[in-house]
Amino acid sequence: MKLDTDRMAKYNQLLRIEDQLAEVAQYKGLKAFYNLKK
């Protein structure tokens, strides 16, 4: 099924990006959306 294959490829790409960023990236959570009003 193509949808499952596409989803798996996207997930694998996210894992590769996570490995490449390693300690450089920081998860900001909701702070990343500082310019949006609640």
PDB file of N, CA and C in Angstrom:
ATOM      1  N   MET A   1       0.837  -1.178   0.000  1.00  0.00           N
ATOM      2  CA  MET A   1       0.000   0.000   0.000  1.00  0.00           C
ATOM      3  C   MET A   1       0.887   1.249   0.000  1.00  0.00           C
ATOM      4  N   LYS A   2       0.689   2.135  -0.950  1.00  0.00           N
ATOM      5  CA  LYS A   2       1.543   3.308  -1.118  1.00  0.00           C
ATOM      6  C   LYS A   2       1.496   4.241   0.089  1.00  0.00           C
ATOM      7  N   LEU A   3       0.340   4.419   0.676  1.00  0.00           N
ATOM      8  CA  LEU A   3       0.207   5.318   1.817  1.00  0.00           C
ATOM      9  C   LEU A   3       1.100   4.877   2.970  1.00  0.00           C
ATOM     10  N   ASP A   4       1.092   3.594   3.270  1.00  0.00           N
ATOM     11  CA  ASP A   4       1.939   3.074   4.348  1.00  0.00           C
ATOM     12  C   ASP A   4       3.411   3.264   4.026  1.00  0.00           C
ATOM     13  N   THR A   5       3.793   3.050   2.778  1.00  0.00           N
ATOM     14  CA  THR A   5       5.183   3.215   2.360  1.00  0.00           C
ATOM     15  C   THR A   5       5.613   4.670   2.497  1.00  0.00           C
ATOM     16  N   ASP A   6       4.757   5.582   2.076  1.00  0.00           N
ATOM     17  CA  ASP A   6       5.062   7.016   2.190  1.00  0.00           C
ATOM     18  C   ASP A   6       5.192   7.437   3.646  1.00  0.00           C
ATOM     19  N   ARG A   7       4.294   6.941   4.473  1.00  0.00           N
ATOM     20  CA  ARG A   7       4.327   7.278   5.897  1.00  0.00           C
ATOM     21  C   ARG A   7       5.608   6.764   6.537  1.00  0.00           C
ATOM     22  N   MET A   8       6.006   5.552   6.188  1.00  0.00           N
ATOM     23  CA  MET A   8       7.225   4.965   6.748  1.00  0.00           C
ATOM     24  C   MET A   8       8.457   5.734   6.270  1.00  0.00           C
ATOM     25  N   ALA A   9       8.469   6.138   5.006  1.00  0.00           N
ATOM     26  CA  ALA A   9       9.597   6.903   4.466  1.00  0.00           C
ATOM     27  C   ALA A   9       9.721   8.245   5.185  1.00  0.00           C
ATOM     28  N   LYS A  10       8.590   8.903   5.438  1.00  0.00           N
ATOM     29  CA  LYS A  10       8.604  10.184   6.138  1.00  0.00           C
ATOM     30  C   LYS A  10       9.117  10.005   7.569  1.00  0.00           C
ATOM     31  N   TYR A  11       8.668   8.962   8.238  1.00  0.00           N
ATOM     32  CA  TYR A  11       9.110   8.681   9.604  1.00  0.00           C
ATOM     33  C   TYR A  11      10.608   8.394   9.637  1.00  0.00           C
ATOM     34  N   ASN A  12      11.086   7.601   8.683  1.00  0.00           N
ATOM     35  CA  ASN A  12      12.515   7.292   8.610  1.00  0.00           C
ATOM     36  C   ASN A  12      13.338   8.550   8.371  1.00  0.00           C
ATOM     37  N   GLN A  13      12.825   9.458   7.546  1.00  0.00           N
ATOM     38  CA  GLN A  13      13.524  10.721   7.295  1.00  0.00           C
ATOM     39  C   GLN A  13      13.609  11.546   8.580  1.00  0.00           C
ATOM     40  N   LEU A  14      12.541  11.565   9.346  1.00  0.00           N
ATOM     41  CA  LEU A  14      12.565  12.292  10.621  1.00  0.00           C
ATOM     42  C   LEU A  14      13.599  11.702  11.571  1.00  0.00           C
ATOM     43  N   LEU A  15      13.727  10.390  11.583  1.00  0.00           N
ATOM     44  CA  LEU A  15      14.739   9.746  12.425  1.00  0.00           C
ATOM     45  C   LEU A  15      16.151  10.106  11.966  1.00  0.00           C
ATOM     46  N   ARG A  16      16.363  10.165  10.645  1.00  0.00           N
ATOM     47  CA  ARG A  16      17.683  10.549  10.119  1.00  0.00           C
ATOM     48  C   ARG A  16      18.015  11.990  10.497  1.00  0.00           C
ATOM     49  N   ILE A  17      17.046  12.872  10.389  1.00  0.00           N
ATOM     50  CA  ILE A  17      17.258  14.274  10.759  1.00  0.00           C
ATOM     51  C   ILE A  17      17.590  14.378  12.240  1.00  0.00           C
ATOM     52  N   GLU A  18      16.871  13.632  13.058  1.00  0.00           N
ATOM     53  CA  GLU A  18      17.140  13.639  14.497  1.00  0.00           C
ATOM     54  C   GLU A  18      18.566  13.189  14.788  1.00  0.00           C
ATOM     55  N   ASP A  19      19.029  12.158  14.100  1.00  0.00           N
ATOM     56  CA  ASP A  19      20.402  11.682  14.286  1.00  0.00           C
ATOM     57  C   ASP A  19      21.420  12.734  13.856  1.00  0.00           C
ATOM     58  N   GLN A  20      21.148  13.421  12.754  1.00  0.00           N
ATOM     59  CA  GLN A  20      22.078  14.421  12.242  1.00  0.00           C
ATOM     60  C   GLN A  20      22.168  15.628  13.179  1.00  0.00           C
ATOM     61  N   LEU A  21      21.054  16.019  13.759  1.00  0.00           N
ATOM     62  CA  LEU A  21      21.048  17.194  14.627  1.00  0.00           C
ATOM     63  C   LEU A  21      21.651  16.898  15.995  1.00  0.00           C
ATOM     64  N   ALA A  22      21.465  15.690  16.456  1.00  0.00           N
ATOM     65  CA  ALA A  22      21.994  15.221  17.745  1.00  0.00           C
ATOM     66  C   ALA A  22      21.814  16.268  18.837  1.00  0.00           C
ATOM     67  N   GLU A  23      22.904  16.743  19.405  1.00  0.00           N
ATOM     68  CA  GLU A  23      22.850  17.673  20.533  1.00  0.00           C
ATOM     69  C   GLU A  23      22.655  19.126  20.108  1.00  0.00           C
ATOM     70  N   VAL A  24      22.746  19.417  18.828  1.00  0.00           N
ATOM     71  CA  VAL A  24      22.647  20.799  18.349  1.00  0.00           C
ATOM     72  C   VAL A  24      21.227  21.337  18.484  1.00  0.00           C
ATOM     73  N   ALA A  25      20.252  20.495  18.215  1.00  0.00           N
ATOM     74  CA  ALA A  25      18.856  20.931  18.227  1.00  0.00           C
ATOM     75  C   ALA A  25      18.321  21.017  19.650  1.00  0.00           C
ATOM     76  N   GLN A  26      17.412  21.955  19.852  1.00  0.00           N
ATOM     77  CA  GLN A  26      16.754  22.109  21.142  1.00  0.00           C
ATOM     78  C   GLN A  26      15.252  22.136  20.920  1.00  0.00           C
ATOM     79  N   TYR A  27      14.536  21.359  21.708  1.00  0.00           N
ATOM     80  CA  TYR A  27      13.078  21.343  21.629  1.00  0.00           C
ATOM     81  C   TYR A  27      12.535  22.510  22.437  1.00  0.00           C
ATOM     82  N   LYS A  28      11.856  23.421  21.781  1.00  0.00           N
ATOM     83  CA  LYS A  28      11.342  24.620  22.442  1.00  0.00           C
ATOM     84  C   LYS A  28       9.898  24.453  22.918  1.00  0.00           C
ATOM     85  N   GLY A  29       9.216  23.436  22.450  1.00  0.00           N
ATOM     86  CA  GLY A  29       7.826  23.238  22.844  1.00  0.00           C
ATOM     87  C   GLY A  29       6.975  24.418  22.417  1.00  0.00           C
ATOM     88  N   LEU A  30       6.076  24.829  23.295  1.00  0.00           N
ATOM     89  CA  LEU A  30       5.187  25.948  22.971  1.00  0.00           C
ATOM     90  C   LEU A  30       5.923  27.277  22.886  1.00  0.00           C
ATOM     91  N   LYS A  31       7.109  27.369  23.447  1.00  0.00           N
ATOM     92  CA  LYS A  31       7.894  28.607  23.364  1.00  0.00           C
ATOM     93  C   LYS A  31       8.257  28.938  21.919  1.00  0.00           C
ATOM     94  N   ALA A  32       8.228  27.949  21.039  1.00  0.00           N
ATOM     95  CA  ALA A  32       8.526  28.183  19.629  1.00  0.00           C
ATOM     96  C   ALA A  32       7.457  29.062  18.982  1.00  0.00           C
ATOM     97  N   PHE A  33       6.284  29.130  19.601  1.00  0.00           N
ATOM     98  CA  PHE A  33       5.169  29.899  19.054  1.00  0.00           C
ATOM     99  C   PHE A  33       4.933  31.171  19.865  1.00  0.00           C
ATOM    100  N   TYR A  34       6.025  31.822  20.250  1.00  0.00           N
ATOM    101  CA  TYR A  34       5.953  33.006  21.099  1.00  0.00           C
ATOM    102  C   TYR A  34       5.121  34.126  20.501  1.00  0.00           C
ATOM    103  N   ASN A  35       5.013  34.171  19.182  1.00  0.00           N
ATOM    104  CA  ASN A  35       4.305  35.281  18.543  1.00  0.00           C
ATOM    105  C   ASN A  35       2.805  35.014  18.374  1.00  0.00           C
ATOM    106  N   LEU A  36       2.329  33.868  18.813  1.00  0.00           N
ATOM    107  CA  LEU A  36       0.901  33.567  18.723  1.00  0.00           C
ATOM    108  C   LEU A  36       0.228  33.889  20.051  1.00  0.00           C
ATOM    109  N   LYS A  37      -0.932  34.504  19.968  1.00  0.00           N
ATOM    110  CA  LYS A  37      -1.671  34.827  21.190  1.00  0.00           C
ATOM    111  C   LYS A  37      -2.512  33.633  21.603  1.00  0.00           C
ATOM    112  N   LYS A  38      -2.680  33.497  22.897  1.00  0.00           N
ATOM    113  CA  LYS A  38      -3.511  32.404  23.429  1.00  0.00           C
ATOM    114  C   LYS A  38      -4.962  32.785  23.416  1.00  0.00           C
TER     115      LYS A  38
END
